[in-house]
Amino acid sequence: MPRVSIDGTEKVFEVKEGGILYDSLSDQGEELPHGCLSGSCGACRIEVVSGKENLQPAGVIESNTLESLRGEFTEKRGKDFVEGKTIRLACRAKVNGEVCFKPIK
């Protein structure tokens, strides 16, 4: 089973391969920031610290929301905040292998 860790903490979770990150952690008692849980609001945004290749590619809904978020982050926090980072939505990201992430506030 893939292992998922939260950067800056000692928290490590075993998750079912192909499982949605948010659901897998929630089932184990870990509450992540969330809103709609359908990929439209972006409240569950995370930065993938390592293992981005172990997440299934973003679908259309997630991609559209991420595009909007990148524009918002660039406008409010500057271009450097977004460059070189892998941003995903925990409610849509499906895990295929080891991943480390941190929520984006």
C-alpha atoms as a PDB file:
ATOM      1  CA  MET A   1       0.000   0.000   0.000  1.00  0.00           C
ATOM      2  CA  PRO A   2       1.284   3.489  -0.846  1.00  0.00           C
ATOM      3  CA  ARG A   3       2.390   5.717   2.024  1.00  0.00           C
ATOM      4  CA  VAL A   4       1.348   9.363   2.234  1.00  0.00           C
ATOM      5  CA  SER A   5       3.040  11.808   4.597  1.00  0.00           C
ATOM      6  CA  ILE A   6       2.316  15.395   5.600  1.00  0.00           C
ATOM      7  CA  ASP A   7       5.435  17.549   5.320  1.00  0.00           C
ATOM      8  CA  GLY A   8       6.638  19.071   8.576  1.00  0.00           C
ATOM      9  CA  THR A   9       4.843  16.482  10.700  1.00  0.00           C
ATOM     10  CA  GLU A  10       5.409  12.901  11.809  1.00  0.00           C
ATOM     11  CA  LYS A  11       2.112  11.855  10.180  1.00  0.00           C
ATOM     12  CA  VAL A  12       2.319   8.963   7.729  1.00  0.00           C
ATOM     13  CA  PHE A  13      -0.684   7.094   6.334  1.00  0.00           C
ATOM     14  CA  GLU A  14      -1.029   3.910   4.334  1.00  0.00           C
ATOM     15  CA  VAL A  15      -3.615   4.377   1.597  1.00  0.00           C
ATOM     16  CA  LYS A  16      -5.272   2.165  -0.970  1.00  0.00           C
ATOM     17  CA  GLU A  17      -3.664   2.427  -4.396  1.00  0.00           C
ATOM     18  CA  GLY A  18      -5.880   4.539  -6.656  1.00  0.00           C
ATOM     19  CA  GLY A  19      -7.655   6.052  -3.644  1.00  0.00           C
ATOM     20  CA  ILE A  20      -8.454   9.754  -3.425  1.00  0.00           C
ATOM     21  CA  LEU A  21      -6.009  11.497  -1.102  1.00  0.00           C
ATOM     22  CA  TYR A  22      -8.608  13.459   0.888  1.00  0.00           C
ATOM     23  CA  ASP A  23     -10.933  10.473   1.375  1.00  0.00           C
ATOM     24  CA  SER A  24      -8.094   8.120   2.319  1.00  0.00           C
ATOM     25  CA  LEU A  25      -6.799  10.443   5.043  1.00  0.00           C
ATOM     26  CA  SER A  26     -10.263  11.399   6.266  1.00  0.00           C
ATOM     27  CA  ASP A  27     -11.091   7.699   6.698  1.00  0.00           C
ATOM     28  CA  GLN A  28      -8.077   7.528   9.057  1.00  0.00           C
ATOM     29  CA  GLY A  29      -9.151  10.543  11.121  1.00  0.00           C
ATOM     30  CA  GLU A  30      -7.029  13.245   9.443  1.00  0.00           C
ATOM     31  CA  GLU A  31      -9.066  16.337   8.599  1.00  0.00           C
ATOM     32  CA  LEU A  32      -7.674  18.426   5.768  1.00  0.00           C
ATOM     33  CA  PRO A  33      -9.030  21.813   4.717  1.00  0.00           C
ATOM     34  CA  HIS A  34     -11.954  21.336   2.358  1.00  0.00           C
ATOM     35  CA  GLY A  35     -15.021  22.954   0.876  1.00  0.00           C
ATOM     36  CA  CYS A  36     -17.094  21.423  -1.901  1.00  0.00           C
ATOM     37  CA  LEU A  37     -15.144  18.120  -2.164  1.00  0.00           C
ATOM     38  CA  SER A  38     -15.901  18.074  -5.900  1.00  0.00           C
ATOM     39  CA  GLY A  39     -12.822  19.897  -7.185  1.00  0.00           C
ATOM     40  CA  SER A  40     -14.461  23.213  -7.956  1.00  0.00           C
ATOM     41  CA  CYS A  41     -13.680  25.458  -4.971  1.00  0.00           C
ATOM     42  CA  GLY A  42      -9.959  24.811  -4.442  1.00  0.00           C
ATOM     43  CA  ALA A  43     -10.170  24.853  -0.639  1.00  0.00           C
ATOM     44  CA  CYS A  44      -8.349  21.508  -0.395  1.00  0.00           C
ATOM     45  CA  ARG A  45      -5.316  22.691  -2.348  1.00  0.00           C
ATOM     46  CA  ILE A  46      -2.002  21.098  -1.482  1.00  0.00           C
ATOM     47  CA  GLU A  47       1.609  21.420  -2.550  1.00  0.00           C
ATOM     48  CA  VAL A  48       3.154  18.089  -3.471  1.00  0.00           C
ATOM     49  CA  VAL A  49       6.606  18.121  -1.878  1.00  0.00           C
ATOM     50  CA  SER A  50       7.664  14.767  -3.333  1.00  0.00           C
ATOM     51  CA  GLY A  51       6.091  11.954  -5.288  1.00  0.00           C
ATOM     52  CA  LYS A  52       4.157  14.005  -7.853  1.00  0.00           C
ATOM     53  CA  GLU A  53       4.788  11.193 -10.330  1.00  0.00           C
ATOM     54  CA  ASN A  54       2.829   8.907  -7.982  1.00  0.00           C
ATOM     55  CA  LEU A  55      -0.425  10.820  -8.450  1.00  0.00           C
ATOM     56  CA  GLN A  56      -2.717  10.127 -11.370  1.00  0.00           C
ATOM     57  CA  PRO A  57      -2.883  13.055 -13.804  1.00  0.00           C
ATOM     58  CA  ALA A  58      -5.407  15.778 -12.974  1.00  0.00           C
ATOM     59  CA  GLY A  59      -8.757  15.485 -14.697  1.00  0.00           C
ATOM     60  CA  VAL A  60     -10.630  18.316 -16.410  1.00  0.00           C
ATOM     61  CA  ILE A  61     -12.388  19.686 -13.306  1.00  0.00           C
ATOM     62  CA  GLU A  62      -9.219  19.672 -11.211  1.00  0.00           C
ATOM     63  CA  SER A  63      -7.152  21.167 -14.056  1.00  0.00           C
ATOM     64  CA  ASN A  64      -9.604  24.039 -14.516  1.00  0.00           C
ATOM     65  CA  THR A  65      -9.646  24.812 -10.800  1.00  0.00           C
ATOM     66  CA  LEU A  66      -5.844  24.618 -10.574  1.00  0.00           C
ATOM     67  CA  GLU A  67      -5.469  27.005 -13.510  1.00  0.00           C
ATOM     68  CA  SER A  68      -7.680  29.510 -11.714  1.00  0.00           C
ATOM     69  CA  LEU A  69      -5.762  29.034  -8.439  1.00  0.00           C
ATOM     70  CA  ARG A  70      -2.400  29.581 -10.136  1.00  0.00           C
ATOM     71  CA  GLY A  71      -3.652  32.891 -11.498  1.00  0.00           C
ATOM     72  CA  GLU A  72      -4.952  33.903  -8.067  1.00  0.00           C
ATOM     73  CA  PHE A  73      -1.708  32.885  -6.329  1.00  0.00           C
ATOM     74  CA  THR A  74       0.395  34.752  -8.904  1.00  0.00           C
ATOM     75  CA  GLU A  75      -1.698  37.884  -8.482  1.00  0.00           C
ATOM     76  CA  LYS A  76      -1.787  37.829  -4.660  1.00  0.00           C
ATOM     77  CA  ARG A  77       1.537  36.174  -3.736  1.00  0.00           C
ATOM     78  CA  GLY A  78       3.732  36.767  -6.759  1.00  0.00           C
ATOM     79  CA  LYS A  79       5.045  34.668  -9.610  1.00  0.00           C
ATOM     80  CA  ASP A  80       7.712  33.034  -7.405  1.00  0.00           C
ATOM     81  CA  PHE A  81       5.032  31.458  -5.189  1.00  0.00           C
ATOM     82  CA  VAL A  82       3.753  29.290  -8.044  1.00  0.00           C
ATOM     83  CA  GLU A  83       6.865  28.594 -10.126  1.00  0.00           C
ATOM     84  CA  GLY A  84       8.342  25.153  -9.680  1.00  0.00           C
ATOM     85  CA  LYS A  85       5.568  23.926  -7.368  1.00  0.00           C
ATOM     86  CA  THR A  86       3.190  21.058  -7.981  1.00  0.00           C
ATOM     87  CA  ILE A  87      -0.216  22.127  -6.729  1.00  0.00           C
ATOM     88  CA  ARG A  88      -3.068  19.617  -6.598  1.00  0.00           C
ATOM     89  CA  LEU A  89      -6.484  19.251  -4.988  1.00  0.00           C
ATOM     90  CA  ALA A  90      -6.641  16.653  -2.215  1.00  0.00           C
ATOM     91  CA  CYS A  91     -10.287  15.892  -3.026  1.00  0.00           C
ATOM     92  CA  ARG A  92      -9.410  14.862  -6.601  1.00  0.00           C
ATOM     93  CA  ALA A  93      -5.821  13.546  -6.469  1.00  0.00           C
ATOM     94  CA  LYS A  94      -5.583   9.770  -6.744  1.00  0.00           C
ATOM     95  CA  VAL A  95      -2.554   8.111  -5.141  1.00  0.00           C
ATOM     96  CA  ASN A  96      -0.565   5.380  -6.898  1.00  0.00           C
ATOM     97  CA  GLY A  97       2.610   5.480  -4.797  1.00  0.00           C
ATOM     98  CA  GLU A  98       4.481   7.305  -2.051  1.00  0.00           C
ATOM     99  CA  VAL A  99       3.621  11.016  -1.733  1.00  0.00           C
ATOM    100  CA  CYS A 100       4.564  13.819   0.655  1.00  0.00           C
ATOM    101  CA  PHE A 101       2.472  17.008   0.682  1.00  0.00           C
ATOM    102  CA  LYS A 102       1.577  20.078   2.669  1.00  0.00           C
ATOM    103  CA  PRO A 103      -1.691  22.017   2.675  1.00  0.00           C
ATOM    104  CA  ILE A 104      -1.563  25.488   1.126  1.00  0.00           C
ATOM    105  CA  LYS A 105      -3.160  28.155   3.271  1.00  0.00           C
END
